[in-house]
Amino acid sequence: MLASEADARRPMPGKQQEYKMPRLSDGKTTQRWKLGFALALTTSIVWSTLPIALKVACERVDAETVTWLRFVVAAAVLGIWLGMRGTIPVPLRLTRRGWTLVAISLAGLIGNYLSYAFALEYVSPTVNQTVIQLAPMLLLLSGLVFLHERLGRAQLAGLAVLVLGLVLFFNRRLAEFGVAGSHLTAGVALLLLASLVWASYGIAQKLLLRSLGAQQILWVLYVGAAIALLPFAHPAAILHVTSVQAIALIYCCLNTLFGYGAFAAALEHWDVSRVSAVLATAPIFTLSAMWLTEKLWPGLLQPERLNALAIGGAFAVVAGSIVCALGGLRAPRVEAA
């Protein structure tokens, strides 16, 4: 961990005593399921609109620069907030295991951000958000392996429904997967990579919660990511964006703060499985956001051309993800009054 238990308990001279989050041994949570649900739903809604903003922002600024800017803003704002509370972590006694988890989280977060943004060069926001549902699925499987969360029979049925939903979603474009170099193939491949590295990030952060608060972990990762991406960023490009693209950039930065902040906090209070189930609703919110965008700002984005079977497939993906995440799990404990 970044500081010893004794150091964490000792007040700093002239500073507010450090906030001590509940220690979650062996991957356990506080089981404040109502708060966990609210935080997970917030994450789902916020993340569902991210691909739309990224699509607009990346019309003028490259994905590396947008991603770097998101981390810089998030690190600065969260750092100020933690500084005011006197809870900025100082990496004095980080164990080898702790550094390994930080490295995995950092690589997973950067990889997810970049792959997700690059994929939008090839596929639409709705396709992006539907395929990325494999990420919560992989996070769930990671939770089963590393955190010993139980698997029920219904989850196999949920996985089958999810796969069927993806087939239905791409019902008019399945032939494109057999064409070498097609945009759809490239976009889906990037999204598969984004899902895989995001799951590694999620499970590593879950394990880090045994020693650090969620926001402390995020600040360390944001600072590390901003430094790692600096050589690949082109900050001057930000000066040449339009007003609409500037708004999109600002929203992308705020999305990082609110989305990952809520997600990290949700993992403190709820099981990985249940958080994953709520995150699975994101494609529905993306479909709604795309429809609203087309109505309010015609021509801003290329309209979706989904038939009824594809829309039904998107709902099947959501249903399969939820069933797979929740199938066979016991009901959450009731919160203490």
Protein backbone atom coordinates (compact mmCIF):
# COMPACT_ATOMS: atom_id res chain seq x y z
CA MET A 1 0.00 0.00 0.00
CA LEU A 2 1.03 3.63 -0.43
CA ALA A 3 1.29 4.32 3.30
CA SER A 4 1.33 2.08 6.33
CA GLU A 5 -1.75 1.58 8.50
CA ALA A 6 -0.01 3.38 11.36
CA ASP A 7 0.85 6.35 9.16
CA ALA A 8 -2.72 6.50 7.92
CA ARG A 9 -4.02 6.79 11.48
CA ARG A 10 -1.52 9.47 12.58
CA PRO A 11 -2.80 13.06 12.04
CA MET A 12 -0.53 15.28 9.96
CA PRO A 13 0.59 18.47 11.73
CA GLY A 14 -1.54 21.39 10.59
CA LYS A 15 -3.68 19.20 8.37
CA GLN A 16 -7.01 17.50 8.58
CA GLN A 17 -6.77 13.94 9.88
CA GLU A 18 -6.69 11.51 6.99
CA TYR A 19 -10.01 9.98 6.03
CA LYS A 20 -10.05 6.25 6.69
CA MET A 21 -12.30 4.26 4.39
CA PRO A 22 -13.71 0.93 5.60
CA ARG A 23 -11.06 -1.72 5.05
CA LEU A 24 -12.34 -4.34 2.64
CA SER A 25 -10.42 -7.53 3.25
CA ASP A 26 -10.47 -10.36 0.72
CA GLY A 27 -12.38 -8.30 -1.83
CA LYS A 28 -15.42 -7.76 0.42
CA THR A 29 -17.67 -4.71 0.10
CA THR A 30 -19.70 -2.64 2.53
CA GLN A 31 -22.89 -4.09 0.94
CA ARG A 32 -24.64 -0.72 1.02
CA TRP A 33 -26.48 -1.92 -2.05
CA LYS A 34 -28.75 1.10 -2.52
CA LEU A 35 -25.77 3.42 -2.72
CA GLY A 36 -23.91 0.91 -4.88
CA PHE A 37 -26.84 0.72 -7.29
CA ALA A 38 -27.15 4.51 -7.53
CA LEU A 39 -23.43 4.88 -8.23
CA ALA A 40 -23.43 2.07 -10.81
CA LEU A 41 -26.46 3.55 -12.59
CA THR A 42 -24.77 6.96 -12.66
CA THR A 43 -21.73 5.33 -14.24
CA SER A 44 -23.88 3.61 -16.86
CA ILE A 45 -25.65 6.83 -17.88
CA VAL A 46 -22.44 8.86 -17.98
CA TRP A 47 -20.49 6.27 -19.94
CA SER A 48 -23.34 5.73 -22.41
CA THR A 49 -22.96 9.28 -23.73
CA LEU A 50 -19.15 9.20 -23.85
CA PRO A 51 -18.80 7.70 -27.37
CA ILE A 52 -20.97 10.48 -28.81
CA ALA A 53 -18.80 13.19 -27.26
CA LEU A 54 -15.61 11.38 -28.30
CA LYS A 55 -16.84 11.03 -31.87
CA VAL A 56 -17.31 14.81 -32.06
CA ALA A 57 -14.10 15.71 -30.21
CA CYS A 58 -11.88 13.43 -32.30
CA GLU A 59 -12.94 15.10 -35.55
CA ARG A 60 -10.24 17.73 -34.99
CA VAL A 61 -8.05 16.36 -32.18
CA ASP A 62 -6.31 12.95 -32.27
CA ALA A 63 -7.34 10.24 -29.83
CA GLU A 64 -4.03 10.33 -27.95
CA THR A 65 -4.37 14.03 -27.20
CA VAL A 66 -8.01 13.75 -26.16
CA THR A 67 -7.15 10.86 -23.84
CA TRP A 68 -4.16 12.74 -22.38
CA LEU A 69 -6.30 15.83 -21.76
CA ARG A 70 -8.95 13.75 -19.99
CA PHE A 71 -6.34 12.37 -17.61
CA VAL A 72 -4.71 15.77 -17.01
CA VAL A 73 -7.99 17.44 -16.09
CA ALA A 74 -9.09 14.52 -13.95
CA ALA A 75 -5.76 14.43 -12.10
CA ALA A 76 -5.84 18.18 -11.47
CA VAL A 77 -9.44 18.38 -10.23
CA LEU A 78 -9.29 15.22 -8.14
CA GLY A 79 -5.90 16.25 -6.76
CA ILE A 80 -7.31 19.58 -5.58
CA TRP A 81 -10.25 17.82 -3.94
CA LEU A 82 -8.02 15.27 -2.19
CA GLY A 83 -5.61 18.03 -1.15
CA MET A 84 -8.42 19.97 0.50
CA ARG A 85 -9.31 16.84 2.46
CA GLY A 86 -5.68 16.04 3.29
CA THR A 87 -5.95 12.56 1.73
CA ILE A 88 -3.51 12.68 -1.19
CA PRO A 89 -1.60 9.35 -1.09
CA VAL A 90 2.19 9.47 -0.81
CA PRO A 91 3.94 6.42 -2.33
CA LEU A 92 6.39 5.75 0.52
CA ARG A 93 5.85 2.10 1.37
CA LEU A 94 4.26 0.56 -1.68
CA THR A 95 4.78 -3.20 -1.62
CA ARG A 96 5.77 -5.20 -4.69
CA ARG A 97 2.24 -6.57 -4.91
CA GLY A 98 0.83 -3.05 -4.63
CA TRP A 99 3.05 -1.75 -7.41
CA THR A 100 2.04 -4.70 -9.58
CA LEU A 101 -1.64 -3.92 -9.09
CA VAL A 102 -1.05 -0.23 -9.83
CA ALA A 103 0.85 -1.15 -13.01
CA ILE A 104 -1.94 -3.48 -14.16
CA SER A 105 -4.58 -0.86 -13.41
CA LEU A 106 -2.62 1.85 -15.21
CA ALA A 107 -1.97 -0.26 -18.31
CA GLY A 108 -5.60 -1.39 -18.39
CA LEU A 109 -6.98 2.12 -18.02
CA ILE A 110 -4.74 3.65 -20.69
CA GLY A 111 -5.33 0.73 -23.04
CA ASN A 112 -9.08 0.94 -22.61
CA TYR A 113 -9.22 4.70 -23.18
CA LEU A 114 -7.11 4.55 -26.35
CA SER A 115 -8.70 1.43 -27.87
CA TYR A 116 -12.17 2.77 -27.17
CA ALA A 117 -11.38 6.11 -28.84
CA PHE A 118 -9.61 4.52 -31.83
CA ALA A 119 -12.61 2.22 -32.40
CA LEU A 120 -14.84 5.25 -33.00
CA GLU A 121 -12.88 5.91 -36.19
CA TYR A 122 -14.42 2.72 -37.60
CA VAL A 123 -17.80 2.19 -35.94
CA SER A 124 -20.69 4.29 -34.65
CA PRO A 125 -21.24 5.18 -30.97
CA THR A 126 -24.08 2.65 -30.70
CA VAL A 127 -21.96 -0.17 -32.10
CA ASN A 128 -19.17 0.92 -29.80
CA GLN A 129 -21.30 0.85 -26.66
CA THR A 130 -23.00 -2.45 -27.56
CA VAL A 131 -19.84 -4.43 -28.23
CA ILE A 132 -18.10 -2.97 -25.18
CA GLN A 133 -20.64 -4.89 -23.07
CA LEU A 134 -18.09 -7.67 -23.24
CA ALA A 135 -16.08 -5.62 -20.74
CA PRO A 136 -18.49 -6.08 -17.79
CA MET A 137 -18.77 -9.72 -18.81
CA LEU A 138 -15.01 -10.17 -18.60
CA LEU A 139 -14.98 -8.23 -15.33
CA LEU A 140 -17.58 -10.64 -14.00
CA LEU A 141 -15.50 -13.66 -15.01
CA SER A 142 -12.48 -12.04 -13.36
CA GLY A 143 -14.51 -11.59 -10.18
CA LEU A 144 -15.38 -15.28 -10.23
CA VAL A 145 -11.72 -16.25 -10.52
CA PHE A 146 -10.01 -13.74 -8.24
CA LEU A 147 -12.74 -12.75 -5.76
CA HIS A 148 -14.56 -16.10 -5.57
CA GLU A 149 -17.94 -14.65 -6.50
CA ARG A 150 -20.23 -17.55 -7.29
CA LEU A 151 -21.44 -18.61 -10.75
CA GLY A 152 -25.02 -19.79 -11.21
CA ARG A 153 -26.55 -21.85 -14.02
CA ALA A 154 -28.60 -18.91 -15.21
CA GLN A 155 -25.39 -17.11 -16.10
CA LEU A 156 -24.67 -19.61 -18.87
CA ALA A 157 -28.08 -18.82 -20.34
CA GLY A 158 -27.32 -15.12 -20.02
CA LEU A 159 -24.06 -15.56 -21.92
CA ALA A 160 -25.92 -17.38 -24.71
CA VAL A 161 -28.46 -14.56 -24.91
CA LEU A 162 -25.66 -11.98 -25.08
CA VAL A 163 -23.93 -13.78 -27.96
CA LEU A 164 -27.25 -14.18 -29.78
CA GLY A 165 -27.94 -10.49 -29.21
CA LEU A 166 -24.63 -9.53 -30.82
CA VAL A 167 -25.44 -11.70 -33.85
CA LEU A 168 -28.84 -10.05 -34.19
CA PHE A 169 -27.36 -6.60 -33.71
CA PHE A 170 -25.02 -7.13 -36.67
CA ASN A 171 -27.62 -9.05 -38.70
CA ARG A 172 -27.19 -6.85 -41.79
CA ARG A 173 -23.41 -6.61 -41.51
CA LEU A 174 -22.25 -10.12 -40.61
CA ALA A 175 -20.69 -10.57 -44.05
CA GLU A 176 -18.35 -7.64 -43.35
CA PHE A 177 -16.54 -9.67 -40.69
CA GLY A 178 -15.20 -11.92 -43.43
CA VAL A 179 -13.72 -9.02 -45.38
CA ALA A 180 -10.10 -8.35 -44.53
CA GLY A 181 -9.48 -4.75 -43.53
CA SER A 182 -13.14 -3.81 -43.19
CA HIS A 183 -13.95 -0.94 -40.85
CA LEU A 184 -16.37 -3.08 -38.87
CA THR A 185 -13.78 -5.80 -38.27
CA ALA A 186 -11.15 -3.27 -37.18
CA GLY A 187 -13.57 -1.45 -34.89
CA VAL A 188 -14.85 -4.62 -33.21
CA ALA A 189 -11.28 -5.91 -32.76
CA LEU A 190 -10.32 -2.69 -30.98
CA LEU A 191 -13.40 -2.95 -28.79
CA LEU A 192 -12.52 -6.53 -27.86
CA LEU A 193 -9.09 -5.28 -26.81
CA ALA A 194 -10.67 -2.40 -24.89
CA SER A 195 -12.95 -4.86 -23.07
CA LEU A 196 -10.10 -7.16 -22.11
CA VAL A 197 -7.81 -4.47 -20.71
CA TRP A 198 -10.73 -2.76 -18.92
CA ALA A 199 -11.52 -5.99 -17.09
CA SER A 200 -7.90 -6.24 -15.94
CA TYR A 201 -8.12 -2.64 -14.73
CA GLY A 202 -11.38 -3.27 -12.87
CA ILE A 203 -10.23 -6.35 -11.01
CA ALA A 204 -6.85 -4.80 -10.11
CA GLN A 205 -8.58 -1.72 -8.70
CA LYS A 206 -10.97 -3.91 -6.75
CA LEU A 207 -7.99 -5.59 -5.08
CA LEU A 208 -6.30 -2.22 -4.41
CA LEU A 209 -9.40 -1.15 -2.47
CA ARG A 210 -8.16 -3.34 0.37
CA SER A 211 -5.51 -0.70 1.11
CA LEU A 212 -6.59 2.62 -0.43
CA GLY A 213 -9.70 4.69 -0.95
CA ALA A 214 -11.25 4.63 -4.41
CA GLN A 215 -10.51 8.27 -5.21
CA GLN A 216 -6.91 7.93 -4.00
CA ILE A 217 -6.36 5.04 -6.40
CA LEU A 218 -7.88 7.00 -9.27
CA TRP A 219 -5.67 10.02 -8.59
CA VAL A 220 -2.54 7.86 -8.71
CA LEU A 221 -3.72 6.32 -11.99
CA TYR A 222 -4.70 9.66 -13.54
CA VAL A 223 -1.32 11.20 -12.74
CA GLY A 224 0.51 8.15 -14.04
CA ALA A 225 -1.53 8.06 -17.25
CA ALA A 226 -1.07 11.79 -17.90
CA ILE A 227 2.71 11.41 -17.59
CA ALA A 228 2.79 8.26 -19.73
CA LEU A 229 0.78 9.81 -22.58
CA LEU A 230 2.50 13.21 -22.62
CA PRO A 231 5.09 12.23 -25.28
CA PHE A 232 2.26 11.19 -27.65
CA ALA A 233 -0.03 14.19 -27.10
CA HIS A 234 -0.32 17.32 -29.28
CA PRO A 235 -1.80 19.98 -26.97
CA ALA A 236 -1.58 22.69 -29.65
CA ALA A 237 -4.33 20.92 -31.61
CA ILE A 238 -6.81 21.83 -28.86
CA LEU A 239 -6.51 25.51 -29.83
CA HIS A 240 -8.04 24.84 -33.26
CA VAL A 241 -11.30 23.15 -32.27
CA THR A 242 -14.74 24.58 -32.98
CA SER A 243 -17.09 25.62 -30.20
CA VAL A 244 -19.05 22.38 -30.52
CA GLN A 245 -15.87 20.32 -30.39
CA ALA A 246 -14.68 22.31 -27.37
CA ILE A 247 -17.89 21.47 -25.54
CA ALA A 248 -17.41 17.82 -26.46
CA LEU A 249 -13.85 17.91 -25.12
CA ILE A 250 -14.98 19.45 -21.85
CA TYR A 251 -17.67 16.82 -21.50
CA CYS A 252 -15.13 14.03 -22.15
CA CYS A 253 -12.99 15.40 -19.32
CA LEU A 254 -15.93 15.66 -16.92
CA ASN A 255 -17.01 12.19 -18.00
CA THR A 256 -13.72 10.81 -16.72
CA LEU A 257 -14.22 12.40 -13.31
CA PHE A 258 -17.85 11.47 -12.80
CA GLY A 259 -17.87 8.14 -14.61
CA TYR A 260 -14.79 6.52 -13.11
CA GLY A 261 -15.33 8.23 -9.78
CA ALA A 262 -18.80 6.71 -9.49
CA PHE A 263 -17.57 3.34 -10.76
CA ALA A 264 -14.73 3.17 -8.24
CA ALA A 265 -17.07 4.15 -5.42
CA ALA A 266 -19.64 1.56 -6.55
CA LEU A 267 -17.03 -1.19 -6.17
CA GLU A 268 -16.58 -0.16 -2.53
CA HIS A 269 -20.23 -0.77 -1.73
CA TRP A 270 -21.43 -3.53 -4.10
CA ASP A 271 -20.26 -6.80 -5.62
CA VAL A 272 -18.48 -6.75 -8.97
CA SER A 273 -21.27 -8.94 -10.35
CA ARG A 274 -24.05 -6.52 -9.50
CA VAL A 275 -22.12 -3.45 -10.65
CA SER A 276 -21.50 -5.24 -13.96
CA ALA A 277 -25.22 -5.92 -14.33
CA VAL A 278 -26.14 -2.26 -14.00
CA LEU A 279 -23.36 -1.19 -16.40
CA ALA A 280 -24.89 -3.52 -18.97
CA THR A 281 -27.77 -1.06 -19.48
CA ALA A 282 -25.46 1.46 -21.20
CA PRO A 283 -26.36 0.53 -24.83
CA ILE A 284 -29.99 1.46 -24.19
CA PHE A 285 -28.96 4.88 -22.95
CA THR A 286 -26.65 5.27 -25.96
CA LEU A 287 -29.46 4.45 -28.39
CA SER A 288 -31.63 7.05 -26.67
CA ALA A 289 -28.83 9.64 -26.66
CA MET A 290 -28.13 9.06 -30.38
CA TRP A 291 -31.82 9.53 -31.19
CA LEU A 292 -31.92 12.74 -29.13
CA THR A 293 -28.73 14.04 -30.76
CA GLU A 294 -30.15 13.48 -34.24
CA LYS A 295 -33.30 15.39 -33.28
CA LEU A 296 -31.58 18.33 -31.59
CA TRP A 297 -28.46 18.65 -33.78
CA PRO A 298 -29.17 17.18 -37.23
CA GLY A 299 -26.00 16.44 -39.18
CA LEU A 300 -23.70 16.49 -36.15
CA LEU A 301 -23.22 12.73 -36.39
CA GLN A 302 -24.02 10.14 -39.04
CA PRO A 303 -27.50 8.81 -38.20
CA GLU A 304 -27.85 5.23 -37.02
CA ARG A 305 -29.37 2.85 -39.55
CA LEU A 306 -30.58 0.01 -37.36
CA ASN A 307 -33.47 -2.25 -38.32
CA ALA A 308 -35.88 -3.74 -35.79
CA LEU A 309 -33.82 -6.91 -35.54
CA ALA A 310 -30.67 -4.94 -34.68
CA ILE A 311 -32.47 -2.90 -32.02
CA GLY A 312 -33.87 -6.12 -30.57
CA GLY A 313 -30.35 -7.51 -30.58
CA ALA A 314 -29.11 -4.53 -28.55
CA PHE A 315 -31.79 -5.18 -25.95
CA ALA A 316 -30.85 -8.88 -25.95
CA VAL A 317 -27.21 -7.96 -25.27
CA VAL A 318 -28.35 -5.90 -22.30
CA ALA A 319 -30.64 -8.67 -21.03
CA GLY A 320 -27.97 -11.32 -21.44
CA SER A 321 -25.39 -9.22 -19.62
CA ILE A 322 -27.75 -8.59 -16.72
CA VAL A 323 -28.79 -12.25 -16.41
CA CYS A 324 -25.18 -13.40 -16.62
CA ALA A 325 -24.13 -10.92 -13.95
CA LEU A 326 -26.95 -11.66 -11.53
CA GLY A 327 -27.86 -15.28 -12.22
CA GLY A 328 -27.38 -17.54 -9.23
CA LEU A 329 -26.43 -14.78 -6.82
CA ARG A 330 -28.11 -14.32 -3.47
CA ALA A 331 -30.13 -11.21 -2.76
CA PRO A 332 -28.11 -8.38 -1.22
CA ARG A 333 -28.19 -7.88 2.52
CA VAL A 334 -30.54 -5.22 3.74
CA GLU A 335 -28.79 -2.05 4.87
CA ALA A 336 -28.74 -1.31 8.56
CA ALA A 337 -31.09 1.43 9.60
